[in-house]
């Protein structure tokens, strides 16, 4: 019985990790796309990106990443108004910050196994 619960817990954690990795992959693509968009299209995409970032942190409630989420979402808003090389640079920085946040989340998930 205990073995079954442990296996189920491992599957749940693995599924959670896979969902997070999928979201991060999509976020990376969306951030790159946002760096190229302007106007209403950029605003809509930024809103979707920020929603996804918040959902990642909501999925892992045991780890405090509020500051990271706040920083990333603020920079995504700045990216809406950025253009050219500055947009590309900001997009790269945002993706790095998202990766750091996910690494912070994934380390405790991995340790639970």
PDB file of N, CA and C in Angstrom:
ATOM      1  N   UNK A   1       0.824  -1.199   0.000  1.00  0.00           N
ATOM      2  CA  UNK A   1       0.000   0.000   0.000  1.00  0.00           C
ATOM      3  C   UNK A   1       0.866   1.261   0.000  1.00  0.00           C
ATOM      4  N   UNK A   2       1.878   1.268   0.877  1.00  0.00           N
ATOM      5  CA  UNK A   2       2.769   2.429   0.945  1.00  0.00           C
ATOM      6  C   UNK A   2       3.538   2.586  -0.359  1.00  0.00           C
ATOM      7  N   UNK A   3       3.931   1.454  -0.951  1.00  0.00           N
ATOM      8  CA  UNK A   3       4.658   1.486  -2.224  1.00  0.00           C
ATOM      9  C   UNK A   3       3.776   2.086  -3.321  1.00  0.00           C
ATOM     10  N   UNK A   4       2.510   1.723  -3.338  1.00  0.00           N
ATOM     11  CA  UNK A   4       1.577   2.243  -4.333  1.00  0.00           C
ATOM     12  C   UNK A   4       1.431   3.754  -4.192  1.00  0.00           C
ATOM     13  N   UNK A   5       1.300   4.231  -2.972  1.00  0.00           N
ATOM     14  CA  UNK A   5       1.168   5.672  -2.746  1.00  0.00           C
ATOM     15  C   UNK A   5       2.442   6.402  -3.156  1.00  0.00           C
ATOM     16  N   UNK A   6       3.585   5.799  -2.878  1.00  0.00           N
ATOM     17  CA  UNK A   6       4.857   6.414  -3.246  1.00  0.00           C
ATOM     18  C   UNK A   6       4.990   6.490  -4.764  1.00  0.00           C
ATOM     19  N   UNK A   7       4.621   5.418  -5.454  1.00  0.00           N
ATOM     20  CA  UNK A   7       4.676   5.413  -6.919  1.00  0.00           C
ATOM     21  C   UNK A   7       3.724   6.450  -7.506  1.00  0.00           C
ATOM     22  N   UNK A   8       2.542   6.544  -6.928  1.00  0.00           N
ATOM     23  CA  UNK A   8       1.565   7.525  -7.406  1.00  0.00           C
ATOM     24  C   UNK A   8       2.083   8.944  -7.194  1.00  0.00           C
ATOM     25  N   UNK A   9       2.715   9.177  -6.063  1.00  0.00           N
ATOM     26  CA  UNK A   9       3.289  10.486  -5.771  1.00  0.00           C
ATOM     27  C   UNK A   9       4.387  10.832  -6.771  1.00  0.00           C
ATOM     28  N   UNK A  10       5.218   9.854  -7.103  1.00  0.00           N
ATOM     29  CA  UNK A  10       6.289  10.075  -8.081  1.00  0.00           C
ATOM     30  C   UNK A  10       5.710  10.395  -9.453  1.00  0.00           C
ATOM     31  N   UNK A  11       4.645   9.684  -9.837  1.00  0.00           N
ATOM     32  CA  UNK A  11       4.010   9.953 -11.133  1.00  0.00           C
ATOM     33  C   UNK A  11       3.404  11.351 -11.154  1.00  0.00           C
ATOM     34  N   UNK A  12       2.791  11.746 -10.055  1.00  0.00           N
ATOM     35  CA  UNK A  12       2.194  13.074  -9.964  1.00  0.00           C
ATOM     36  C   UNK A  12       3.266  14.148 -10.097  1.00  0.00           C
ATOM     37  N   UNK A  13       4.371  13.969  -9.395  1.00  0.00           N
ATOM     38  CA  UNK A  13       5.467  14.940  -9.464  1.00  0.00           C
ATOM     39  C   UNK A  13       6.083  14.973 -10.859  1.00  0.00           C
ATOM     40  N   UNK A  14       6.239  13.811 -11.475  1.00  0.00           N
ATOM     41  CA  UNK A  14       6.795  13.754 -12.836  1.00  0.00           C
ATOM     42  C   UNK A  14       5.858  14.451 -13.813  1.00  0.00           C
ATOM     43  N   UNK A  15       4.567  14.237 -13.647  1.00  0.00           N
ATOM     44  CA  UNK A  15       3.583  14.902 -14.504  1.00  0.00           C
ATOM     45  C   UNK A  15       3.623  16.405 -14.322  1.00  0.00           C
ATOM     46  N   UNK A  16       3.763  16.838 -13.091  1.00  0.00           N
ATOM     47  CA  UNK A  16       3.836  18.264 -12.791  1.00  0.00           C
ATOM     48  C   UNK A  16       5.078  18.868 -13.443  1.00  0.00           C
ATOM     49  N   UNK A  17       6.190  18.157 -13.339  1.00  0.00           N
ATOM     50  CA  UNK A  17       7.444  18.637 -13.930  1.00  0.00           C
ATOM     51  C   UNK A  17       7.320  18.723 -15.452  1.00  0.00           C
ATOM     52  N   UNK A  18       6.685  17.726 -16.064  1.00  0.00           N
ATOM     53  CA  UNK A  18       6.485  17.747 -17.518  1.00  0.00           C
ATOM     54  C   UNK A  18       5.603  18.913 -17.944  1.00  0.00           C
ATOM     55  N   UNK A  19       4.532  19.167 -17.191  1.00  0.00           N
ATOM     56  CA  UNK A  19       3.644  20.294 -17.515  1.00  0.00           C
ATOM     57  C   UNK A  19       4.396  21.616 -17.430  1.00  0.00           C
ATOM     58  N   UNK A  20       5.220  21.749 -16.417  1.00  0.00           N
ATOM     59  CA  UNK A  20       5.995  22.983 -16.255  1.00  0.00           C
ATOM     60  C   UNK A  20       6.964  23.142 -17.417  1.00  0.00           C
ATOM     61  N   UNK A  21       7.641  22.069 -17.791  1.00  0.00           N
ATOM     62  CA  UNK A  21       8.592  22.143 -18.898  1.00  0.00           C
ATOM     63  C   UNK A  21       7.888  22.499 -20.206  1.00  0.00           C
ATOM     64  N   UNK A  22       6.704  21.946 -20.426  1.00  0.00           N
ATOM     65  CA  UNK A  22       5.933  22.285 -21.629  1.00  0.00           C
ATOM     66  C   UNK A  22       5.556  23.765 -21.634  1.00  0.00           C
ATOM     67  N   UNK A  23       5.111  24.249 -20.480  1.00  0.00           N
ATOM     68  CA  UNK A  23       4.728  25.660 -20.380  1.00  0.00           C
ATOM     69  C   UNK A  23       5.925  26.565 -20.634  1.00  0.00           C
ATOM     70  N   UNK A  24       7.072  26.194 -20.091  1.00  0.00           N
ATOM     71  CA  UNK A  24       8.275  27.009 -20.270  1.00  0.00           C
ATOM     72  C   UNK A  24       8.694  27.024 -21.737  1.00  0.00           C
ATOM     73  N   UNK A  25       8.601  25.901 -22.402  1.00  0.00           N
ATOM     74  CA  UNK A  25       8.923  25.856 -23.827  1.00  0.00           C
ATOM     75  C   UNK A  25       8.025  26.776 -24.633  1.00  0.00           C
ATOM     76  N   UNK A  26       6.743  26.728 -24.343  1.00  0.00           N
ATOM     77  CA  UNK A  26       5.790  27.599 -25.029  1.00  0.00           C
ATOM     78  C   UNK A  26       6.055  29.062 -24.677  1.00  0.00           C
ATOM     79  N   UNK A  27       6.374  29.316 -23.411  1.00  0.00           N
ATOM     80  CA  UNK A  27       6.670  30.687 -22.994  1.00  0.00           C
ATOM     81  C   UNK A  27       7.864  31.252 -23.758  1.00  0.00           C
ATOM     82  N   UNK A  28       8.888  30.446 -23.925  1.00  0.00           N
ATOM     83  CA  UNK A  28      10.066  30.895 -24.669  1.00  0.00           C
ATOM     84  C   UNK A  28       9.699  31.329 -26.076  1.00  0.00           C
ATOM     85  N   UNK A  29       8.882  30.524 -26.736  1.00  0.00           N
ATOM     86  CA  UNK A  29       8.434  30.870 -28.088  1.00  0.00           C
ATOM     87  C   UNK A  29       7.579  32.130 -28.084  1.00  0.00           C
ATOM     88  N   UNK A  30       6.682  32.220 -27.109  1.00  0.00           N
ATOM     89  CA  UNK A  30       5.806  33.393 -27.026  1.00  0.00           C
ATOM     90  C   UNK A  30       6.597  34.670 -26.743  1.00  0.00           C
ATOM     91  N   UNK A  31       7.612  34.567 -25.905  1.00  0.00           N
ATOM     92  CA  UNK A  31       8.438  35.738 -25.591  1.00  0.00           C
ATOM     93  C   UNK A  31       9.189  36.193 -26.838  1.00  0.00           C
ATOM     94  N   UNK A  32       9.718  35.239 -27.600  1.00  0.00           N
ATOM     95  CA  UNK A  32      10.386  35.589 -28.859  1.00  0.00           C
ATOM     96  C   UNK A  32       9.408  36.265 -29.823  1.00  0.00           C
ATOM     97  N   UNK A  33       8.200  35.734 -29.899  1.00  0.00           N
ATOM     98  CA  UNK A  33       7.177  36.314 -30.774  1.00  0.00           C
ATOM     99  C   UNK A  33       6.809  37.718 -30.303  1.00  0.00           C
ATOM    100  N   UNK A  34       6.672  37.879 -28.998  1.00  0.00           N
ATOM    101  CA  UNK A  34       6.320  39.184 -28.441  1.00  0.00           C
ATOM    102  C   UNK A  34       7.365  40.236 -28.796  1.00  0.00           C
ATOM    103  N   UNK A  35       8.623  39.836 -28.836  1.00  0.00           N
ATOM    104  CA  UNK A  35       9.695  40.777 -29.170  1.00  0.00           C
ATOM    105  C   UNK A  35       9.524  41.329 -30.585  1.00  0.00           C
ATOM    106  N   UNK A  36       8.760  40.622 -31.418  1.00  0.00           N
ATOM    107  CA  UNK A  36       8.562  41.034 -32.810  1.00  0.00           C
ATOM    108  C   UNK A  36       7.219  41.724 -33.045  1.00  0.00           C
ATOM    109  N   UNK A  37       6.319  41.660 -32.079  1.00  0.00           N
ATOM    110  CA  UNK A  37       4.968  42.202 -32.256  1.00  0.00           C
ATOM    111  C   UNK A  37       4.851  43.615 -31.695  1.00  0.00           C
ATOM    112  N   UNK A  38       3.788  44.297 -32.113  1.00  0.00           N
ATOM    113  CA  UNK A  38       3.503  45.636 -31.597  1.00  0.00           C
ATOM    114  C   UNK A  38       2.000  45.799 -31.394  1.00  0.00           C
ATOM    115  N   UNK A  39       1.642  46.862 -30.713  1.00  0.00           N
ATOM    116  CA  UNK A  39       0.240  47.241 -30.566  1.00  0.00           C
ATOM    117  C   UNK A  39      -0.612  46.257 -29.794  1.00  0.00           C
ATOM    118  N   UNK A  40      -1.865  46.138 -30.237  1.00  0.00           N
ATOM    119  CA  UNK A  40      -2.840  45.287 -29.551  1.00  0.00           C
ATOM    120  C   UNK A  40      -2.415  43.824 -29.538  1.00  0.00           C
ATOM    121  N   UNK A  41      -1.812  43.402 -30.625  1.00  0.00           N
ATOM    122  CA  UNK A  41      -1.359  42.014 -30.716  1.00  0.00           C
ATOM    123  C   UNK A  41      -0.310  41.730 -29.635  1.00  0.00           C
ATOM    124  N   UNK A  42       0.595  42.666 -29.436  1.00  0.00           N
ATOM    125  CA  UNK A  42       1.629  42.516 -28.409  1.00  0.00           C
ATOM    126  C   UNK A  42       1.008  42.531 -27.015  1.00  0.00           C
ATOM    127  N   UNK A  43       0.056  43.406 -26.797  1.00  0.00           N
ATOM    128  CA  UNK A  43      -0.599  43.493 -25.485  1.00  0.00           C
ATOM    129  C   UNK A  43      -1.319  42.198 -25.135  1.00  0.00           C
ATOM    130  N   UNK A  44      -2.011  41.643 -26.116  1.00  0.00           N
ATOM    131  CA  UNK A  44      -2.743  40.396 -25.892  1.00  0.00           C
ATOM    132  C   UNK A  44      -1.773  39.252 -25.587  1.00  0.00           C
ATOM    133  N   UNK A  45      -0.701  39.173 -26.346  1.00  0.00           N
ATOM    134  CA  UNK A  45       0.290  38.120 -26.132  1.00  0.00           C
ATOM    135  C   UNK A  45       0.968  38.288 -24.772  1.00  0.00           C
ATOM    136  N   UNK A  46       1.260  39.520 -24.388  1.00  0.00           N
ATOM    137  CA  UNK A  46       1.874  39.775 -23.074  1.00  0.00           C
ATOM    138  C   UNK A  46       0.955  39.310 -21.953  1.00  0.00           C
ATOM    139  N   UNK A  47      -0.331  39.566 -22.109  1.00  0.00           N
ATOM    140  CA  UNK A  47      -1.294  39.133 -21.093  1.00  0.00           C
ATOM    141  C   UNK A  47      -1.289  37.610 -20.978  1.00  0.00           C
ATOM    142  N   UNK A  48      -1.247  36.918 -22.112  1.00  0.00           N
ATOM    143  CA  UNK A  48      -1.206  35.454 -22.100  1.00  0.00           C
ATOM    144  C   UNK A  48       0.076  34.935 -21.452  1.00  0.00           C
ATOM    145  N   UNK A  49       1.191  35.573 -21.763  1.00  0.00           N
ATOM    146  CA  UNK A  49       2.478  35.172 -21.182  1.00  0.00           C
ATOM    147  C   UNK A  49       2.434  35.341 -19.667  1.00  0.00           C
ATOM    148  N   UNK A  50       1.961  36.485 -19.218  1.00  0.00           N
ATOM    149  CA  UNK A  50       1.901  36.739 -17.780  1.00  0.00           C
ATOM    150  C   UNK A  50       0.971  35.757 -17.072  1.00  0.00           C
ATOM    151  N   UNK A  51      -0.121  35.407 -17.715  1.00  0.00           N
ATOM    152  CA  UNK A  51      -1.036  34.421 -17.139  1.00  0.00           C
ATOM    153  C   UNK A  51      -0.342  33.071 -16.987  1.00  0.00           C
ATOM    154  N   UNK A  52       0.410  32.669 -18.004  1.00  0.00           N
ATOM    155  CA  UNK A  52       1.132  31.392 -17.945  1.00  0.00           C
ATOM    156  C   UNK A  52       2.202  31.405 -16.858  1.00  0.00           C
ATOM    157  N   UNK A  53       2.922  32.507 -16.746  1.00  0.00           N
ATOM    158  CA  UNK A  53       3.963  32.606 -15.720  1.00  0.00           C
ATOM    159  C   UNK A  53       3.342  32.477 -14.337  1.00  0.00           C
ATOM    160  N   UNK A  54       2.232  33.153 -14.140  1.00  0.00           N
ATOM    161  CA  UNK A  54       1.546  33.069 -12.847  1.00  0.00           C
ATOM    162  C   UNK A  54       1.014  31.663 -12.596  1.00  0.00           C
ATOM    163  N   UNK A  55       0.569  30.989 -13.647  1.00  0.00           N
ATOM    164  CA  UNK A  55       0.032  29.635 -13.460  1.00  0.00           C
ATOM    165  C   UNK A  55       1.133  28.655 -13.060  1.00  0.00           C
ATOM    166  N   UNK A  56       2.340  28.882 -13.547  1.00  0.00           N
ATOM    167  CA  UNK A  56       3.461  28.022 -13.141  1.00  0.00           C
ATOM    168  C   UNK A  56       3.695  28.164 -11.645  1.00  0.00           C
ATOM    169  N   UNK A  57       3.717  29.388 -11.166  1.00  0.00           N
ATOM    170  CA  UNK A  57       3.960  29.585  -9.734  1.00  0.00           C
ATOM    171  C   UNK A  57       2.781  29.090  -8.901  1.00  0.00           C
ATOM    172  N   UNK A  58       1.571  29.202  -9.427  1.00  0.00           N
ATOM    173  CA  UNK A  58       0.396  28.709  -8.702  1.00  0.00           C
ATOM    174  C   UNK A  58       0.401  27.183  -8.596  1.00  0.00           C
ATOM    175  N   UNK A  59       0.952  26.542  -9.607  1.00  0.00           N
ATOM    176  CA  UNK A  59       0.989  25.081  -9.621  1.00  0.00           C
ATOM    177  C   UNK A  59       1.891  24.539  -8.510  1.00  0.00           C
ATOM    178  N   UNK A  60       2.917  25.286  -8.180  1.00  0.00           N
ATOM    179  CA  UNK A  60       3.856  24.878  -7.135  1.00  0.00           C
ATOM    180  C   UNK A  60       3.722  25.865  -5.983  1.00  0.00           C
ATOM    181  N   UNK A  61       2.759  25.648  -5.154  1.00  0.00           N
ATOM    182  CA  UNK A  61       2.474  26.596  -4.077  1.00  0.00           C
ATOM    183  C   UNK A  61       3.478  26.523  -2.937  1.00  0.00           C
ATOM    184  N   UNK A  62       4.192  25.415  -2.835  1.00  0.00           N
ATOM    185  CA  UNK A  62       5.096  25.238  -1.701  1.00  0.00           C
ATOM    186  C   UNK A  62       6.392  26.033  -1.845  1.00  0.00           C
ATOM    187  N   UNK A  63       6.628  26.598  -3.008  1.00  0.00           N
ATOM    188  CA  UNK A  63       7.864  27.339  -3.242  1.00  0.00           C
ATOM    189  C   UNK A  63       7.503  28.787  -3.534  1.00  0.00           C
ATOM    190  N   UNK A  64       8.108  29.691  -2.801  1.00  0.00           N
ATOM    191  CA  UNK A  64       7.786  31.103  -2.954  1.00  0.00           C
ATOM    192  C   UNK A  64       8.570  31.707  -4.116  1.00  0.00           C
ATOM    193  N   UNK A  65       7.862  32.019  -5.176  1.00  0.00           N
ATOM    194  CA  UNK A  65       8.480  32.658  -6.340  1.00  0.00           C
ATOM    195  C   UNK A  65       7.738  33.948  -6.698  1.00  0.00           C
ATOM    196  N   UNK A  66       7.066  34.531  -5.710  1.00  0.00           N
ATOM    197  CA  UNK A  66       6.285  35.748  -5.963  1.00  0.00           C
ATOM    198  C   UNK A  66       7.142  36.872  -6.527  1.00  0.00           C
ATOM    199  N   UNK A  67       8.326  37.064  -5.945  1.00  0.00           N
ATOM    200  CA  UNK A  67       9.196  38.147  -6.415  1.00  0.00           C
ATOM    201  C   UNK A  67       9.631  37.913  -7.855  1.00  0.00           C
ATOM    202  N   UNK A  68       9.955  36.665  -8.171  1.00  0.00           N
ATOM    203  CA  UNK A  68      10.368  36.335  -9.534  1.00  0.00           C
ATOM    204  C   UNK A  68       9.227  36.583 -10.517  1.00  0.00           C
ATOM    205  N   UNK A  69       8.032  36.155 -10.147  1.00  0.00           N
ATOM    206  CA  UNK A  69       6.866  36.342 -11.015  1.00  0.00           C
ATOM    207  C   UNK A  69       6.611  37.828 -11.236  1.00  0.00           C
ATOM    208  N   UNK A  70       6.681  38.591 -10.173  1.00  0.00           N
ATOM    209  CA  UNK A  70       6.444  40.036 -10.270  1.00  0.00           C
ATOM    210  C   UNK A  70       7.470  40.692 -11.199  1.00  0.00           C
ATOM    211  N   UNK A  71       8.724  40.316 -11.049  1.00  0.00           N
ATOM    212  CA  UNK A  71       9.792  40.873 -11.881  1.00  0.00           C
ATOM    213  C   UNK A  71       9.604  40.494 -13.349  1.00  0.00           C
ATOM    214  N   UNK A  72       9.302  39.236 -13.584  1.00  0.00           N
ATOM    215  CA  UNK A  72       9.140  38.756 -14.965  1.00  0.00           C
ATOM    216  C   UNK A  72       7.940  39.421 -15.627  1.00  0.00           C
ATOM    217  N   UNK A  73       6.817  39.467 -14.933  1.00  0.00           N
ATOM    218  CA  UNK A  73       5.619  40.047 -15.543  1.00  0.00           C
ATOM    219  C   UNK A  73       5.809  41.538 -15.826  1.00  0.00           C
ATOM    220  N   UNK A  74       6.530  42.231 -14.961  1.00  0.00           N
ATOM    221  CA  UNK A  74       6.804  43.655 -15.206  1.00  0.00           C
ATOM    222  C   UNK A  74       7.667  43.824 -16.457  1.00  0.00           C
ATOM    223  N   UNK A  75       8.621  42.941 -16.628  1.00  0.00           N
ATOM    224  CA  UNK A  75       9.497  43.032 -17.798  1.00  0.00           C
ATOM    225  C   UNK A  75       8.760  42.644 -19.079  1.00  0.00           C
ATOM    226  N   UNK A  76       7.815  41.725 -18.970  1.00  0.00           N
ATOM    227  CA  UNK A  76       7.005  41.372 -20.137  1.00  0.00           C
ATOM    228  C   UNK A  76       6.206  42.594 -20.583  1.00  0.00           C
ATOM    229  N   UNK A  77       5.685  43.344 -19.621  1.00  0.00           N
ATOM    230  CA  UNK A  77       4.955  44.572 -19.957  1.00  0.00           C
ATOM    231  C   UNK A  77       5.868  45.575 -20.664  1.00  0.00           C
ATOM    232  N   UNK A  78       7.115  45.670 -20.220  1.00  0.00           N
ATOM    233  CA  UNK A  78       8.076  46.564 -20.880  1.00  0.00           C
ATOM    234  C   UNK A  78       8.364  46.086 -22.301  1.00  0.00           C
ATOM    235  N   UNK A  79       8.379  44.779 -22.472  1.00  0.00           N
ATOM    236  CA  UNK A  79       8.670  44.206 -23.787  1.00  0.00           C
ATOM    237  C   UNK A  79       7.604  44.586 -24.809  1.00  0.00           C
ATOM    238  N   UNK A  80       6.388  44.797 -24.357  1.00  0.00           N
ATOM    239  CA  UNK A  80       5.307  45.208 -25.258  1.00  0.00           C
ATOM    240  C   UNK A  80       5.690  46.492 -25.989  1.00  0.00           C
ATOM    241  N   UNK A  81       6.352  47.396 -25.285  1.00  0.00           N
ATOM    242  CA  UNK A  81       6.707  48.696 -25.863  1.00  0.00           C
ATOM    243  C   UNK A  81       8.099  48.736 -26.485  1.00  0.00           C
ATOM    244  N   UNK A  82       8.881  47.695 -26.290  1.00  0.00           N
ATOM    245  CA  UNK A  82      10.247  47.676 -26.818  1.00  0.00           C
ATOM    246  C   UNK A  82      10.251  47.242 -28.284  1.00  0.00           C
ATOM    247  N   UNK A  83      11.279  47.678 -29.006  1.00  0.00           N
ATOM    248  CA  UNK A  83      11.425  47.291 -30.406  1.00  0.00           C
ATOM    249  C   UNK A  83      12.890  47.001 -30.714  1.00  0.00           C
ATOM    250  N   UNK A  84      13.108  46.341 -31.828  1.00  0.00           N
ATOM    251  CA  UNK A  84      14.462  46.111 -32.327  1.00  0.00           C
ATOM    252  C   UNK A  84      15.353  45.328 -31.389  1.00  0.00           C
ATOM    253  N   UNK A  85      16.611  45.760 -31.334  1.00  0.00           N
ATOM    254  CA  UNK A  85      17.607  45.055 -30.528  1.00  0.00           C
ATOM    255  C   UNK A  85      17.282  45.089 -29.038  1.00  0.00           C
ATOM    256  N   UNK A  86      16.707  46.197 -28.583  1.00  0.00           N
ATOM    257  CA  UNK A  86      16.367  46.268 -27.158  1.00  0.00           C
ATOM    258  C   UNK A  86      15.285  45.245 -26.813  1.00  0.00           C
ATOM    259  N   UNK A  87      14.366  45.009 -27.737  1.00  0.00           N
ATOM    260  CA  UNK A  87      13.326  44.000 -27.511  1.00  0.00           C
ATOM    261  C   UNK A  87      13.941  42.606 -27.467  1.00  0.00           C
ATOM    262  N   UNK A  88      14.865  42.344 -28.372  1.00  0.00           N
ATOM    263  CA  UNK A  88      15.518  41.029 -28.397  1.00  0.00           C
ATOM    264  C   UNK A  88      16.304  40.791 -27.114  1.00  0.00           C
ATOM    265  N   UNK A  89      17.001  41.824 -26.662  1.00  0.00           N
ATOM    266  CA  UNK A  89      17.796  41.699 -25.435  1.00  0.00           C
ATOM    267  C   UNK A  89      16.883  41.465 -24.234  1.00  0.00           C
ATOM    268  N   UNK A  90      15.814  42.233 -24.150  1.00  0.00           N
ATOM    269  CA  UNK A  90      14.875  42.086 -23.042  1.00  0.00           C
ATOM    270  C   UNK A  90      14.212  40.709 -23.076  1.00  0.00           C
ATOM    271  N   UNK A  91      13.862  40.240 -24.254  1.00  0.00           N
ATOM    272  CA  UNK A  91      13.260  38.907 -24.387  1.00  0.00           C
ATOM    273  C   UNK A  91      14.225  37.838 -23.883  1.00  0.00           C
ATOM    274  N   UNK A  92      15.477  37.973 -24.229  1.00  0.00           N
ATOM    275  CA  UNK A  92      16.491  37.019 -23.777  1.00  0.00           C
ATOM    276  C   UNK A  92      16.619  37.040 -22.254  1.00  0.00           C
ATOM    277  N   UNK A  93      16.613  38.235 -21.681  1.00  0.00           N
ATOM    278  CA  UNK A  93      16.708  38.364 -20.221  1.00  0.00           C
ATOM    279  C   UNK A  93      15.486  37.750 -19.536  1.00  0.00           C
ATOM    280  N   UNK A  94      14.321  37.959 -20.109  1.00  0.00           N
ATOM    281  CA  UNK A  94      13.092  37.400 -19.534  1.00  0.00           C
ATOM    282  C   UNK A  94      13.151  35.875 -19.565  1.00  0.00           C
ATOM    283  N   UNK A  95      13.573  35.321 -20.688  1.00  0.00           N
ATOM    284  CA  UNK A  95      13.660  33.862 -20.793  1.00  0.00           C
ATOM    285  C   UNK A  95      14.656  33.306 -19.776  1.00  0.00           C
ATOM    286  N   UNK A  96      15.745  34.012 -19.554  1.00  0.00           N
ATOM    287  CA  UNK A  96      16.722  33.584 -18.548  1.00  0.00           C
ATOM    288  C   UNK A  96      16.089  33.599 -17.159  1.00  0.00           C
ATOM    289  N   UNK A  97      15.332  34.651 -16.865  1.00  0.00           N
ATOM    290  CA  UNK A  97      14.666  34.746 -15.563  1.00  0.00           C
ATOM    291  C   UNK A  97      13.611  33.654 -15.381  1.00  0.00           C
ATOM    292  N   UNK A  98      12.886  33.340 -16.447  1.00  0.00           N
ATOM    293  CA  UNK A  98      11.893  32.264 -16.379  1.00  0.00           C
ATOM    294  C   UNK A  98      12.599  30.945 -16.089  1.00  0.00           C
ATOM    295  N   UNK A  99      13.719  30.715 -16.760  1.00  0.00           N
ATOM    296  CA  UNK A  99      14.473  29.481 -16.533  1.00  0.00           C
ATOM    297  C   UNK A  99      14.958  29.406 -15.086  1.00  0.00           C
ATOM    298  N   UNK A 100      15.449  30.514 -14.552  1.00  0.00           N
ATOM    299  CA  UNK A 100      15.902  30.530 -13.152  1.00  0.00           C
ATOM    300  C   UNK A 100      14.746  30.216 -12.206  1.00  0.00           C
ATOM    301  N   UNK A 101      13.577  30.790 -12.494  1.00  0.00           N
ATOM    302  CA  UNK A 101      12.414  30.532 -11.652  1.00  0.00           C
ATOM    303  C   UNK A 101      12.042  29.050 -11.709  1.00  0.00           C
ATOM    304  N   UNK A 102      12.050  28.492 -12.906  1.00  0.00           N
ATOM    305  CA  UNK A 102      11.701  27.079 -13.066  1.00  0.00           C
ATOM    306  C   UNK A 102      12.743  26.194 -12.383  1.00  0.00           C
ATOM    307  N   UNK A 103      14.004  26.558 -12.494  1.00  0.00           N
ATOM    308  CA  UNK A 103      15.047  25.791 -11.803  1.00  0.00           C
ATOM    309  C   UNK A 103      14.811  25.810 -10.298  1.00  0.00           C
ATOM    310  N   UNK A 104      14.414  26.944  -9.782  1.00  0.00           N
ATOM    311  CA  UNK A 104      14.124  27.064  -8.349  1.00  0.00           C
ATOM    312  C   UNK A 104      12.958  26.158  -7.962  1.00  0.00           C
ATOM    313  N   UNK A 105      12.004  26.031  -8.858  1.00  0.00           N
ATOM    314  CA  UNK A 105      10.838  25.181  -8.616  1.00  0.00           C
ATOM    315  C   UNK A 105      11.209  23.705  -8.759  1.00  0.00           C
ATOM    316  N   UNK A 106      11.979  23.378  -9.797  1.00  0.00           N
ATOM    317  CA  UNK A 106      12.263  21.973 -10.098  1.00  0.00           C
ATOM    318  C   UNK A 106      13.202  21.314  -9.105  1.00  0.00           C
ATOM    319  N   UNK A 107      14.094  22.039  -8.506  1.00  0.00           N
ATOM    320  CA  UNK A 107      15.028  21.429  -7.554  1.00  0.00           C
ATOM    321  C   UNK A 107      14.273  20.752  -6.414  1.00  0.00           C
ATOM    322  N   UNK A 108      13.321  21.428  -5.757  1.00  0.00           N
ATOM    323  CA  UNK A 108      12.568  20.743  -4.700  1.00  0.00           C
ATOM    324  C   UNK A 108      11.726  19.576  -5.219  1.00  0.00           C
ATOM    325  N   UNK A 109      11.202  19.675  -6.424  1.00  0.00           N
ATOM    326  CA  UNK A 109      10.419  18.570  -6.984  1.00  0.00           C
ATOM    327  C   UNK A 109      11.312  17.353  -7.156  1.00  0.00           C
ATOM    328  N   UNK A 110      12.501  17.558  -7.682  1.00  0.00           N
ATOM    329  CA  UNK A 110      13.438  16.467  -7.904  1.00  0.00           C
ATOM    330  C   UNK A 110      13.875  15.848  -6.582  1.00  0.00           C
ATOM    331  N   UNK A 111      14.086  16.660  -5.569  1.00  0.00           N
ATOM    332  CA  UNK A 111      14.537  16.155  -4.273  1.00  0.00           C
ATOM    333  C   UNK A 111      13.485  15.292  -3.593  1.00  0.00           C
ATOM    334  N   UNK A 112      12.204  15.499  -3.906  1.00  0.00           N
ATOM    335  CA  UNK A 112      11.138  14.715  -3.282  1.00  0.00           C
ATOM    336  C   UNK A 112      11.196  13.253  -3.678  1.00  0.00           C
ATOM    337  N   UNK A 113      11.781  12.955  -4.833  1.00  0.00           N
ATOM    338  CA  UNK A 113      11.853  11.575  -5.305  1.00  0.00           C
ATOM    339  C   UNK A 113      12.747  10.819  -4.395  1.00  0.00           C
TER     340      UNK A 113
END
